[in-house]
Amino acid sequence: GRQILYILGGILVLAILGGIIYSWQMRQAGEAQAALGKAIEINEAQ
C-alpha cells in the first residue's frame, strides 16, 4: 500500500506540475503576443 501511494503521489505531482507549466506557457504566450502587438503599433505609427 505504501509503495502504491508513493507512485500515485508522484503521478499527481507530475500532473500538477504539468498544469502549472502549461498555465505559465499560456500566460507567457499572451504577454509575448501583447508585447509584439505594441511594438508593431509603434512600427506602423504615424
ModelCIF file with pLDDT and N, C-alpha, C, O atoms, coordinates in Angstrom:
data_MODEL
#
_entry.id   MODEL 
#
_entity.id                         1 
_entity.type                       polymer 
_entity.pdbx_number_of_molecules   1 
#
_entity_poly.entity_id                      1 
_entity_poly.type                           'polypeptide(L)' 
_entity_poly.nstd_linkage                   no 
_entity_poly.nstd_monomer                   no 
_entity_poly.pdbx_seq_one_letter_code       GRQILYILGGILVLAILGGIIYSWQMRQAGEAQAALGKAIEINEAQ 
_entity_poly.pdbx_seq_one_letter_code_can   GRQILYILGGILVLAILGGIIYSWQMRQAGEAQAALGKAIEINEAQ 
_entity_poly.pdbx_strand_id                 A 
#
loop_
_entity_poly_seq.entity_id 
_entity_poly_seq.num 
_entity_poly_seq.mon_id 
_entity_poly_seq.hetero 
1 1  GLY n 
1 2  ARG n 
1 3  GLN n 
1 4  ILE n 
1 5  LEU n 
1 6  TYR n 
1 7  ILE n 
1 8  LEU n 
1 9  GLY n 
1 10 GLY n 
1 11 ILE n 
1 12 LEU n 
1 13 VAL n 
1 14 LEU n 
1 15 ALA n 
1 16 ILE n 
1 17 LEU n 
1 18 GLY n 
1 19 GLY n 
1 20 ILE n 
1 21 ILE n 
1 22 TYR n 
1 23 SER n 
1 24 TRP n 
1 25 GLN n 
1 26 MET n 
1 27 ARG n 
1 28 GLN n 
1 29 ALA n 
1 30 GLY n 
1 31 GLU n 
1 32 ALA n 
1 33 GLN n 
1 34 ALA n 
1 35 ALA n 
1 36 LEU n 
1 37 GLY n 
1 38 LYS n 
1 39 ALA n 
1 40 ILE n 
1 41 GLU n 
1 42 ILE n 
1 43 ASN n 
1 44 GLU n 
1 45 ALA n 
1 46 GLN n 
#
_struct_asym.id          A 
_struct_asym.entity_id   1 
#
loop_
_ma_qa_metric.id 
_ma_qa_metric.mode 
_ma_qa_metric.name 
_ma_qa_metric.software_group_id 
_ma_qa_metric.type 
1 global pLDDT . pLDDT 
2 local  pLDDT . pLDDT 
#
_ma_qa_metric_global.metric_id      1 
_ma_qa_metric_global.metric_value   67.63 
_ma_qa_metric_global.model_id       1 
_ma_qa_metric_global.ordinal_id     1 
#
loop_
_ma_qa_metric_local.label_asym_id 
_ma_qa_metric_local.label_comp_id 
_ma_qa_metric_local.label_seq_id 
_ma_qa_metric_local.metric_id 
_ma_qa_metric_local.metric_value 
_ma_qa_metric_local.model_id 
_ma_qa_metric_local.ordinal_id 
A GLY 1  2 56.00 1 1  
A ARG 2  2 55.00 1 2  
A GLN 3  2 60.00 1 3  
A ILE 4  2 55.00 1 4  
A LEU 5  2 51.00 1 5  
A TYR 6  2 55.00 1 6  
A ILE 7  2 57.00 1 7  
A LEU 8  2 54.00 1 8  
A GLY 9  2 55.00 1 9  
A GLY 10 2 58.00 1 10 
A ILE 11 2 58.00 1 11 
A LEU 12 2 57.00 1 12 
A VAL 13 2 55.00 1 13 
A LEU 14 2 59.00 1 14 
A ALA 15 2 57.00 1 15 
A ILE 16 2 52.00 1 16 
A LEU 17 2 55.00 1 17 
A GLY 18 2 52.00 1 18 
A GLY 19 2 51.00 1 19 
A ILE 20 2 45.00 1 20 
A ILE 21 2 48.00 1 21 
A TYR 22 2 46.00 1 22 
A SER 23 2 51.00 1 23 
A TRP 24 2 44.00 1 24 
A GLN 25 2 50.00 1 25 
A MET 26 2 52.00 1 26 
A ARG 27 2 58.00 1 27 
A GLN 28 2 62.00 1 28 
A ALA 29 2 76.00 1 29 
A GLY 30 2 83.00 1 30 
A GLU 31 2 88.00 1 31 
A ALA 32 2 88.00 1 32 
A GLN 33 2 88.00 1 33 
A ALA 34 2 90.00 1 34 
A ALA 35 2 91.00 1 35 
A LEU 36 2 90.00 1 36 
A GLY 37 2 90.00 1 37 
A LYS 38 2 92.00 1 38 
A ALA 39 2 91.00 1 39 
A ILE 40 2 91.00 1 40 
A GLU 41 2 92.00 1 41 
A ILE 42 2 92.00 1 42 
A ASN 43 2 92.00 1 43 
A GLU 44 2 90.00 1 44 
A ALA 45 2 89.00 1 45 
A GLN 46 2 90.00 1 46 
#
loop_
_atom_site.group_PDB 
_atom_site.id 
_atom_site.type_symbol 
_atom_site.label_atom_id 
_atom_site.label_alt_id 
_atom_site.label_comp_id 
_atom_site.label_asym_id 
_atom_site.label_entity_id 
_atom_site.label_seq_id 
_atom_site.pdbx_PDB_ins_code 
_atom_site.Cartn_x 
_atom_site.Cartn_y 
_atom_site.Cartn_z 
_atom_site.occupancy 
_atom_site.B_iso_or_equiv 
_atom_site.pdbx_formal_charge 
_atom_site.auth_seq_id 
_atom_site.auth_comp_id 
_atom_site.auth_asym_id 
_atom_site.auth_atom_id 
_atom_site.pdbx_PDB_model_num 
ATOM 1   N N  . GLY A 1 1  ? 0.805  -1.217 0.000   1.00 56.00 ? 1  GLY A N  1 
ATOM 2   C CA . GLY A 1 1  ? 0.000  0.000  0.000   1.00 56.00 ? 1  GLY A CA 1 
ATOM 3   C C  . GLY A 1 1  ? 0.831  1.256  0.000   1.00 56.00 ? 1  GLY A C  1 
ATOM 4   O O  . GLY A 1 1  ? 0.511  2.199  -0.723  1.00 56.00 ? 1  GLY A O  1 
ATOM 5   N N  . ARG A 1 2  ? 1.915  1.305  0.805   1.00 55.00 ? 2  ARG A N  1 
ATOM 6   C CA . ARG A 1 2  ? 2.746  2.499  0.892   1.00 55.00 ? 2  ARG A CA 1 
ATOM 7   C C  . ARG A 1 2  ? 3.424  2.804  -0.442  1.00 55.00 ? 2  ARG A C  1 
ATOM 8   O O  . ARG A 1 2  ? 3.517  3.954  -0.870  1.00 55.00 ? 2  ARG A O  1 
ATOM 9   N N  . GLN A 1 3  ? 3.896  1.727  -1.085  1.00 60.00 ? 3  GLN A N  1 
ATOM 10  C CA . GLN A 1 3  ? 4.567  1.905  -2.377  1.00 60.00 ? 3  GLN A CA 1 
ATOM 11  C C  . GLN A 1 3  ? 3.598  2.456  -3.427  1.00 60.00 ? 3  GLN A C  1 
ATOM 12  O O  . GLN A 1 3  ? 3.956  3.324  -4.224  1.00 60.00 ? 3  GLN A O  1 
ATOM 13  N N  . ILE A 1 4  ? 2.364  1.937  -3.415  1.00 55.00 ? 4  ILE A N  1 
ATOM 14  C CA . ILE A 1 4  ? 1.340  2.404  -4.366  1.00 55.00 ? 4  ILE A CA 1 
ATOM 15  C C  . ILE A 1 4  ? 1.026  3.865  -4.124  1.00 55.00 ? 4  ILE A C  1 
ATOM 16  O O  . ILE A 1 4  ? 0.874  4.639  -5.069  1.00 55.00 ? 4  ILE A O  1 
ATOM 17  N N  . LEU A 1 5  ? 0.927  4.246  -2.847  1.00 51.00 ? 5  LEU A N  1 
ATOM 18  C CA . LEU A 1 5  ? 0.648  5.647  -2.527  1.00 51.00 ? 5  LEU A CA 1 
ATOM 19  C C  . LEU A 1 5  ? 1.757  6.557  -3.045  1.00 51.00 ? 5  LEU A C  1 
ATOM 20  O O  . LEU A 1 5  ? 1.494  7.650  -3.547  1.00 51.00 ? 5  LEU A O  1 
ATOM 21  N N  . TYR A 1 6  ? 3.016  6.086  -2.916  1.00 55.00 ? 6  TYR A N  1 
ATOM 22  C CA . TYR A 1 6  ? 4.126  6.879  -3.423  1.00 55.00 ? 6  TYR A CA 1 
ATOM 23  C C  . TYR A 1 6  ? 4.000  7.081  -4.937  1.00 55.00 ? 6  TYR A C  1 
ATOM 24  O O  . TYR A 1 6  ? 4.204  8.179  -5.455  1.00 55.00 ? 6  TYR A O  1 
ATOM 25  N N  . ILE A 1 7  ? 3.654  5.980  -5.636  1.00 57.00 ? 7  ILE A N  1 
ATOM 26  C CA . ILE A 1 7  ? 3.520  6.050  -7.098  1.00 57.00 ? 7  ILE A CA 1 
ATOM 27  C C  . ILE A 1 7  ? 2.406  7.006  -7.494  1.00 57.00 ? 7  ILE A C  1 
ATOM 28  O O  . ILE A 1 7  ? 2.572  7.874  -8.352  1.00 57.00 ? 7  ILE A O  1 
ATOM 29  N N  . LEU A 1 8  ? 1.238  6.811  -6.823  1.00 54.00 ? 8  LEU A N  1 
ATOM 30  C CA . LEU A 1 8  ? 0.104  7.684  -7.138  1.00 54.00 ? 8  LEU A CA 1 
ATOM 31  C C  . LEU A 1 8  ? 0.418  9.138  -6.797  1.00 54.00 ? 8  LEU A C  1 
ATOM 32  O O  . LEU A 1 8  ? 0.031  10.053 -7.524  1.00 54.00 ? 8  LEU A O  1 
ATOM 33  N N  . GLY A 1 9  ? 1.122  9.341  -5.683  1.00 55.00 ? 9  GLY A N  1 
ATOM 34  C CA . GLY A 1 9  ? 1.502  10.692 -5.296  1.00 55.00 ? 9  GLY A CA 1 
ATOM 35  C C  . GLY A 1 9  ? 2.420  11.325 -6.324  1.00 55.00 ? 9  GLY A C  1 
ATOM 36  O O  . GLY A 1 9  ? 2.293  12.509 -6.636  1.00 55.00 ? 9  GLY A O  1 
ATOM 37  N N  . GLY A 1 10 ? 3.360  10.522 -6.857  1.00 58.00 ? 10 GLY A N  1 
ATOM 38  C CA . GLY A 1 10 ? 4.269  11.027 -7.883  1.00 58.00 ? 10 GLY A CA 1 
ATOM 39  C C  . GLY A 1 10 ? 3.528  11.428 -9.140  1.00 58.00 ? 10 GLY A C  1 
ATOM 40  O O  . GLY A 1 10 ? 3.818  12.463 -9.741  1.00 58.00 ? 10 GLY A O  1 
ATOM 41  N N  . ILE A 1 11 ? 2.553  10.590 -9.543  1.00 58.00 ? 11 ILE A N  1 
ATOM 42  C CA . ILE A 1 11 ? 1.747  10.906 -10.728 1.00 58.00 ? 11 ILE A CA 1 
ATOM 43  C C  . ILE A 1 11 ? 0.968  12.195 -10.524 1.00 58.00 ? 11 ILE A C  1 
ATOM 44  O O  . ILE A 1 11 ? 0.862  13.021 -11.430 1.00 58.00 ? 11 ILE A O  1 
ATOM 45  N N  . LEU A 1 12 ? 0.424  12.357 -9.319  1.00 57.00 ? 12 LEU A N  1 
ATOM 46  C CA . LEU A 1 12 ? -0.346 13.564 -9.012  1.00 57.00 ? 12 LEU A CA 1 
ATOM 47  C C  . LEU A 1 12 ? 0.546  14.802 -9.066  1.00 57.00 ? 12 LEU A C  1 
ATOM 48  O O  . LEU A 1 12 ? 0.142  15.840 -9.590  1.00 57.00 ? 12 LEU A O  1 
ATOM 49  N N  . VAL A 1 13 ? 1.750  14.690 -8.528  1.00 55.00 ? 13 VAL A N  1 
ATOM 50  C CA . VAL A 1 13 ? 2.686  15.820 -8.547  1.00 55.00 ? 13 VAL A CA 1 
ATOM 51  C C  . VAL A 1 13 ? 3.033  16.203 -9.981  1.00 55.00 ? 13 VAL A C  1 
ATOM 52  O O  . VAL A 1 13 ? 3.070  17.383 -10.329 1.00 55.00 ? 13 VAL A O  1 
ATOM 53  N N  . LEU A 1 14 ? 3.289  15.180 -10.816 1.00 59.00 ? 14 LEU A N  1 
ATOM 54  C CA . LEU A 1 14 ? 3.608  15.452 -12.219 1.00 59.00 ? 14 LEU A CA 1 
ATOM 55  C C  . LEU A 1 14 ? 2.447  16.136 -12.918 1.00 59.00 ? 14 LEU A C  1 
ATOM 56  O O  . LEU A 1 14 ? 2.652  17.047 -13.720 1.00 59.00 ? 14 LEU A O  1 
ATOM 57  N N  . ALA A 1 15 ? 1.226  15.700 -12.618 1.00 57.00 ? 15 ALA A N  1 
ATOM 58  C CA . ALA A 1 15 ? 0.038  16.308 -13.236 1.00 57.00 ? 15 ALA A CA 1 
ATOM 59  C C  . ALA A 1 15 ? -0.092 17.764 -12.820 1.00 57.00 ? 15 ALA A C  1 
ATOM 60  O O  . ALA A 1 15 ? -0.404 18.627 -13.640 1.00 57.00 ? 15 ALA A O  1 
ATOM 61  N N  . ILE A 1 16 ? 0.150  18.037 -11.527 1.00 52.00 ? 16 ILE A N  1 
ATOM 62  C CA . ILE A 1 16 ? 0.064  19.413 -11.034 1.00 52.00 ? 16 ILE A CA 1 
ATOM 63  C C  . ILE A 1 16 ? 1.136  20.284 -11.681 1.00 52.00 ? 16 ILE A C  1 
ATOM 64  O O  . ILE A 1 16 ? 0.866  21.408 -12.104 1.00 52.00 ? 16 ILE A O  1 
ATOM 65  N N  . LEU A 1 17 ? 2.370  19.745 -11.752 1.00 55.00 ? 17 LEU A N  1 
ATOM 66  C CA . LEU A 1 17 ? 3.459  20.496 -12.365 1.00 55.00 ? 17 LEU A CA 1 
ATOM 67  C C  . LEU A 1 17 ? 3.172  20.771 -13.841 1.00 55.00 ? 17 LEU A C  1 
ATOM 68  O O  . LEU A 1 17 ? 3.446  21.857 -14.352 1.00 55.00 ? 17 LEU A O  1 
ATOM 69  N N  . GLY A 1 18 ? 2.603  19.745 -14.522 1.00 52.00 ? 18 GLY A N  1 
ATOM 70  C CA . GLY A 1 18 ? 2.253  19.912 -15.930 1.00 52.00 ? 18 GLY A CA 1 
ATOM 71  C C  . GLY A 1 18 ? 1.238  21.026 -16.115 1.00 52.00 ? 18 GLY A C  1 
ATOM 72  O O  . GLY A 1 18 ? 1.335  21.825 -17.046 1.00 52.00 ? 18 GLY A O  1 
ATOM 73  N N  . GLY A 1 19 ? 0.261  21.069 -15.214 1.00 51.00 ? 19 GLY A N  1 
ATOM 74  C CA . GLY A 1 19 ? -0.752 22.125 -15.286 1.00 51.00 ? 19 GLY A CA 1 
ATOM 75  C C  . GLY A 1 19 ? -0.153 23.495 -15.053 1.00 51.00 ? 19 GLY A C  1 
ATOM 76  O O  . GLY A 1 19 ? -0.509 24.461 -15.727 1.00 51.00 ? 19 GLY A O  1 
ATOM 77  N N  . ILE A 1 20 ? 0.772  23.580 -14.081 1.00 45.00 ? 20 ILE A N  1 
ATOM 78  C CA . ILE A 1 20 ? 1.421  24.860 -13.780 1.00 45.00 ? 20 ILE A CA 1 
ATOM 79  C C  . ILE A 1 20 ? 2.243  25.332 -14.983 1.00 45.00 ? 20 ILE A C  1 
ATOM 80  O O  . ILE A 1 20 ? 2.189  26.503 -15.360 1.00 45.00 ? 20 ILE A O  1 
ATOM 81  N N  . ILE A 1 21 ? 3.010  24.402 -15.587 1.00 48.00 ? 21 ILE A N  1 
ATOM 82  C CA . ILE A 1 21 ? 3.850  24.751 -16.746 1.00 48.00 ? 21 ILE A CA 1 
ATOM 83  C C  . ILE A 1 21 ? 2.998  25.201 -17.915 1.00 48.00 ? 21 ILE A C  1 
ATOM 84  O O  . ILE A 1 21 ? 3.317  26.183 -18.586 1.00 48.00 ? 21 ILE A O  1 
ATOM 85  N N  . TYR A 1 22 ? 1.901  24.474 -18.160 1.00 46.00 ? 22 TYR A N  1 
ATOM 86  C CA . TYR A 1 22 ? 1.010  24.832 -19.273 1.00 46.00 ? 22 TYR A CA 1 
ATOM 87  C C  . TYR A 1 22 ? 0.407  26.224 -19.045 1.00 46.00 ? 22 TYR A C  1 
ATOM 88  O O  . TYR A 1 22 ? 0.334  27.047 -19.958 1.00 46.00 ? 22 TYR A O  1 
ATOM 89  N N  . SER A 1 23 ? -0.021 26.460 -17.803 1.00 51.00 ? 23 SER A N  1 
ATOM 90  C CA . SER A 1 23 ? -0.598 27.767 -17.473 1.00 51.00 ? 23 SER A CA 1 
ATOM 91  C C  . SER A 1 23 ? 0.427  28.867 -17.657 1.00 51.00 ? 23 SER A C  1 
ATOM 92  O O  . SER A 1 23 ? 0.100  29.940 -18.166 1.00 51.00 ? 23 SER A O  1 
ATOM 93  N N  . TRP A 1 24 ? 1.676  28.614 -17.247 1.00 44.00 ? 24 TRP A N  1 
ATOM 94  C CA . TRP A 1 24 ? 2.752  29.594 -17.392 1.00 44.00 ? 24 TRP A CA 1 
ATOM 95  C C  . TRP A 1 24 ? 3.041  29.868 -18.856 1.00 44.00 ? 24 TRP A C  1 
ATOM 96  O O  . TRP A 1 24 ? 3.232  31.016 -19.255 1.00 44.00 ? 24 TRP A O  1 
ATOM 97  N N  . GLN A 1 25 ? 3.072  28.794 -19.664 1.00 50.00 ? 25 GLN A N  1 
ATOM 98  C CA . GLN A 1 25 ? 3.336  28.958 -21.096 1.00 50.00 ? 25 GLN A CA 1 
ATOM 99  C C  . GLN A 1 25 ? 2.249  29.780 -21.768 1.00 50.00 ? 25 GLN A C  1 
ATOM 100 O O  . GLN A 1 25 ? 2.534  30.638 -22.603 1.00 50.00 ? 25 GLN A O  1 
ATOM 101 N N  . MET A 1 26 ? 0.987  29.509 -21.396 1.00 52.00 ? 26 MET A N  1 
ATOM 102 C CA . MET A 1 26 ? -0.116 30.260 -21.976 1.00 52.00 ? 26 MET A CA 1 
ATOM 103 C C  . MET A 1 26 ? -0.038 31.734 -21.575 1.00 52.00 ? 26 MET A C  1 
ATOM 104 O O  . MET A 1 26 ? -0.301 32.626 -22.381 1.00 52.00 ? 26 MET A O  1 
ATOM 105 N N  . ARG A 1 27 ? 0.329  31.970 -20.307 1.00 58.00 ? 27 ARG A N  1 
ATOM 106 C CA . ARG A 1 27 ? 0.449  33.349 -19.835 1.00 58.00 ? 27 ARG A CA 1 
ATOM 107 C C  . ARG A 1 27 ? 1.595  34.056 -20.549 1.00 58.00 ? 27 ARG A C  1 
ATOM 108 O O  . ARG A 1 27 ? 1.476  35.218 -20.939 1.00 58.00 ? 27 ARG A O  1 
ATOM 109 N N  . GLN A 1 28 ? 2.722  33.331 -20.718 1.00 62.00 ? 28 GLN A N  1 
ATOM 110 C CA . GLN A 1 28 ? 3.866  33.891 -21.422 1.00 62.00 ? 28 GLN A CA 1 
ATOM 111 C C  . GLN A 1 28 ? 3.522  34.205 -22.860 1.00 62.00 ? 28 GLN A C  1 
ATOM 112 O O  . GLN A 1 28 ? 3.921  35.240 -23.393 1.00 62.00 ? 28 GLN A O  1 
ATOM 113 N N  . ALA A 1 29 ? 2.764  33.289 -23.501 1.00 76.00 ? 29 ALA A N  1 
ATOM 114 C CA . ALA A 1 29 ? 2.357  33.499 -24.891 1.00 76.00 ? 29 ALA A CA 1 
ATOM 115 C C  . ALA A 1 29 ? 1.494  34.743 -25.001 1.00 76.00 ? 29 ALA A C  1 
ATOM 116 O O  . ALA A 1 29 ? 1.642  35.533 -25.934 1.00 76.00 ? 29 ALA A O  1 
ATOM 117 N N  . GLY A 1 30 ? 0.586  34.914 -24.036 1.00 83.00 ? 30 GLY A N  1 
ATOM 118 C CA . GLY A 1 30 ? -0.268 36.099 -24.033 1.00 83.00 ? 30 GLY A CA 1 
ATOM 119 C C  . GLY A 1 30 ? 0.540  37.374 -23.867 1.00 83.00 ? 30 GLY A C  1 
ATOM 120 O O  . GLY A 1 30 ? 0.289  38.369 -24.547 1.00 83.00 ? 30 GLY A O  1 
ATOM 121 N N  . GLU A 1 31 ? 1.514  37.341 -22.957 1.00 88.00 ? 31 GLU A N  1 
ATOM 122 C CA . GLU A 1 31 ? 2.359  38.505 -22.728 1.00 88.00 ? 31 GLU A CA 1 
ATOM 123 C C  . GLU A 1 31 ? 3.211  38.811 -23.958 1.00 88.00 ? 31 GLU A C  1 
ATOM 124 O O  . GLU A 1 31 ? 3.370  39.969 -24.345 1.00 88.00 ? 31 GLU A O  1 
ATOM 125 N N  . ALA A 1 32 ? 3.755  37.754 -24.566 1.00 88.00 ? 32 ALA A N  1 
ATOM 126 C CA . ALA A 1 32 ? 4.602  37.931 -25.747 1.00 88.00 ? 32 ALA A CA 1 
ATOM 127 C C  . ALA A 1 32 ? 3.801  38.506 -26.903 1.00 88.00 ? 32 ALA A C  1 
ATOM 128 O O  . ALA A 1 32 ? 4.271  39.395 -27.613 1.00 88.00 ? 32 ALA A O  1 
ATOM 129 N N  . GLN A 1 33 ? 2.594  37.998 -27.087 1.00 88.00 ? 33 GLN A N  1 
ATOM 130 C CA . GLN A 1 33 ? 1.734  38.483 -28.164 1.00 88.00 ? 33 GLN A CA 1 
ATOM 131 C C  . GLN A 1 33 ? 1.390  39.959 -27.954 1.00 88.00 ? 33 GLN A C  1 
ATOM 132 O O  . GLN A 1 33 ? 1.387  40.750 -28.897 1.00 88.00 ? 33 GLN A O  1 
ATOM 133 N N  . ALA A 1 34 ? 1.101  40.311 -26.703 1.00 90.00 ? 34 ALA A N  1 
ATOM 134 C CA . ALA A 1 34 ? 0.770  41.706 -26.392 1.00 90.00 ? 34 ALA A CA 1 
ATOM 135 C C  . ALA A 1 34 ? 1.968  42.621 -26.619 1.00 90.00 ? 34 ALA A C  1 
ATOM 136 O O  . ALA A 1 34 ? 1.826  43.719 -27.157 1.00 90.00 ? 34 ALA A O  1 
ATOM 137 N N  . ALA A 1 35 ? 3.143  42.163 -26.209 1.00 91.00 ? 35 ALA A N  1 
ATOM 138 C CA . ALA A 1 35 ? 4.359  42.964 -26.386 1.00 91.00 ? 35 ALA A CA 1 
ATOM 139 C C  . ALA A 1 35 ? 4.687  43.134 -27.867 1.00 91.00 ? 35 ALA A C  1 
ATOM 140 O O  . ALA A 1 35 ? 5.082  44.214 -28.305 1.00 91.00 ? 35 ALA A O  1 
ATOM 141 N N  . LEU A 1 36 ? 4.517  42.048 -28.635 1.00 90.00 ? 36 LEU A N  1 
ATOM 142 C CA . LEU A 1 36 ? 4.775  42.122 -30.073 1.00 90.00 ? 36 LEU A CA 1 
ATOM 143 C C  . LEU A 1 36 ? 3.779  43.067 -30.747 1.00 90.00 ? 36 LEU A C  1 
ATOM 144 O O  . LEU A 1 36 ? 4.141  43.843 -31.632 1.00 90.00 ? 36 LEU A O  1 
ATOM 145 N N  . GLY A 1 37 ? 2.521  42.987 -30.315 1.00 90.00 ? 37 GLY A N  1 
ATOM 146 C CA . GLY A 1 37 ? 1.498  43.858 -30.871 1.00 90.00 ? 37 GLY A CA 1 
ATOM 147 C C  . GLY A 1 37 ? 1.793  45.333 -30.589 1.00 90.00 ? 37 GLY A C  1 
ATOM 148 O O  . GLY A 1 37 ? 1.583  46.191 -31.446 1.00 90.00 ? 37 GLY A O  1 
ATOM 149 N N  . LYS A 1 38 ? 2.278  45.613 -29.390 1.00 92.00 ? 38 LYS A N  1 
ATOM 150 C CA . LYS A 1 38 ? 2.607  47.001 -29.026 1.00 92.00 ? 38 LYS A CA 1 
ATOM 151 C C  . LYS A 1 38 ? 3.769  47.515 -29.869 1.00 92.00 ? 38 LYS A C  1 
ATOM 152 O O  . LYS A 1 38 ? 3.785  48.674 -30.285 1.00 92.00 ? 38 LYS A O  1 
ATOM 153 N N  . ALA A 1 39 ? 4.743  46.636 -30.114 1.00 91.00 ? 39 ALA A N  1 
ATOM 154 C CA . ALA A 1 39 ? 5.893  47.033 -30.936 1.00 91.00 ? 39 ALA A CA 1 
ATOM 155 C C  . ALA A 1 39 ? 5.460  47.283 -32.382 1.00 91.00 ? 39 ALA A C  1 
ATOM 156 O O  . ALA A 1 39 ? 5.932  48.223 -33.021 1.00 91.00 ? 39 ALA A O  1 
ATOM 157 N N  . ILE A 1 40 ? 4.564  46.443 -32.890 1.00 91.00 ? 40 ILE A N  1 
ATOM 158 C CA . ILE A 1 40 ? 4.052  46.631 -34.257 1.00 91.00 ? 40 ILE A CA 1 
ATOM 159 C C  . ILE A 1 40 ? 3.268  47.930 -34.362 1.00 91.00 ? 40 ILE A C  1 
ATOM 160 O O  . ILE A 1 40 ? 3.297  48.599 -35.395 1.00 91.00 ? 40 ILE A O  1 
ATOM 161 N N  . GLU A 1 41 ? 2.568  48.285 -33.291 1.00 92.00 ? 41 GLU A N  1 
ATOM 162 C CA . GLU A 1 41 ? 1.825  49.548 -33.259 1.00 92.00 ? 41 GLU A CA 1 
ATOM 163 C C  . GLU A 1 41 ? 2.775  50.727 -33.420 1.00 92.00 ? 41 GLU A C  1 
ATOM 164 O O  . GLU A 1 41 ? 2.462  51.693 -34.115 1.00 92.00 ? 41 GLU A O  1 
ATOM 165 N N  . ILE A 1 42 ? 3.937  50.645 -32.775 1.00 92.00 ? 42 ILE A N  1 
ATOM 166 C CA . ILE A 1 42 ? 4.955  51.690 -32.931 1.00 92.00 ? 42 ILE A CA 1 
ATOM 167 C C  . ILE A 1 42 ? 5.485  51.683 -34.360 1.00 92.00 ? 42 ILE A C  1 
ATOM 168 O O  . ILE A 1 42 ? 5.680  52.735 -34.969 1.00 92.00 ? 42 ILE A O  1 
ATOM 169 N N  . ASN A 1 43 ? 5.714  50.485 -34.884 1.00 92.00 ? 43 ASN A N  1 
ATOM 170 C CA . ASN A 1 43 ? 6.259  50.334 -36.240 1.00 92.00 ? 43 ASN A CA 1 
ATOM 171 C C  . ASN A 1 43 ? 5.345  50.980 -37.290 1.00 92.00 ? 43 ASN A C  1 
ATOM 172 O O  . ASN A 1 43 ? 5.819  51.499 -38.300 1.00 92.00 ? 43 ASN A O  1 
ATOM 173 N N  . GLU A 1 44 ? 4.031  50.942 -37.040 1.00 90.00 ? 44 GLU A N  1 
ATOM 174 C CA . GLU A 1 44 ? 3.062  51.460 -38.002 1.00 90.00 ? 44 GLU A CA 1 
ATOM 175 C C  . GLU A 1 44 ? 2.516  52.833 -37.612 1.00 90.00 ? 44 GLU A C  1 
ATOM 176 O O  . GLU A 1 44 ? 1.559  53.318 -38.216 1.00 90.00 ? 44 GLU A O  1 
ATOM 177 N N  . ALA A 1 45 ? 3.119  53.451 -36.610 1.00 89.00 ? 45 ALA A N  1 
ATOM 178 C CA . ALA A 1 45 ? 2.634  54.740 -36.125 1.00 89.00 ? 45 ALA A CA 1 
ATOM 179 C C  . ALA A 1 45 ? 2.782  55.836 -37.178 1.00 89.00 ? 45 ALA A C  1 
ATOM 180 O O  . ALA A 1 45 ? 3.593  55.737 -38.099 1.00 89.00 ? 45 ALA A O  1 
ATOM 181 N N  . GLN A 1 46 ? 1.985  56.867 -37.016 1.00 90.00 ? 46 GLN A N  1 
ATOM 182 C CA . GLN A 1 46 ? 2.007  57.995 -37.942 1.00 90.00 ? 46 GLN A CA 1 
ATOM 183 C C  . GLN A 1 46 ? 3.266  58.839 -37.726 1.00 90.00 ? 46 GLN A C  1 
ATOM 184 O O  . GLN A 1 46 ? 3.465  59.840 -38.415 1.00 90.00 ? 46 GLN A O  1 
#
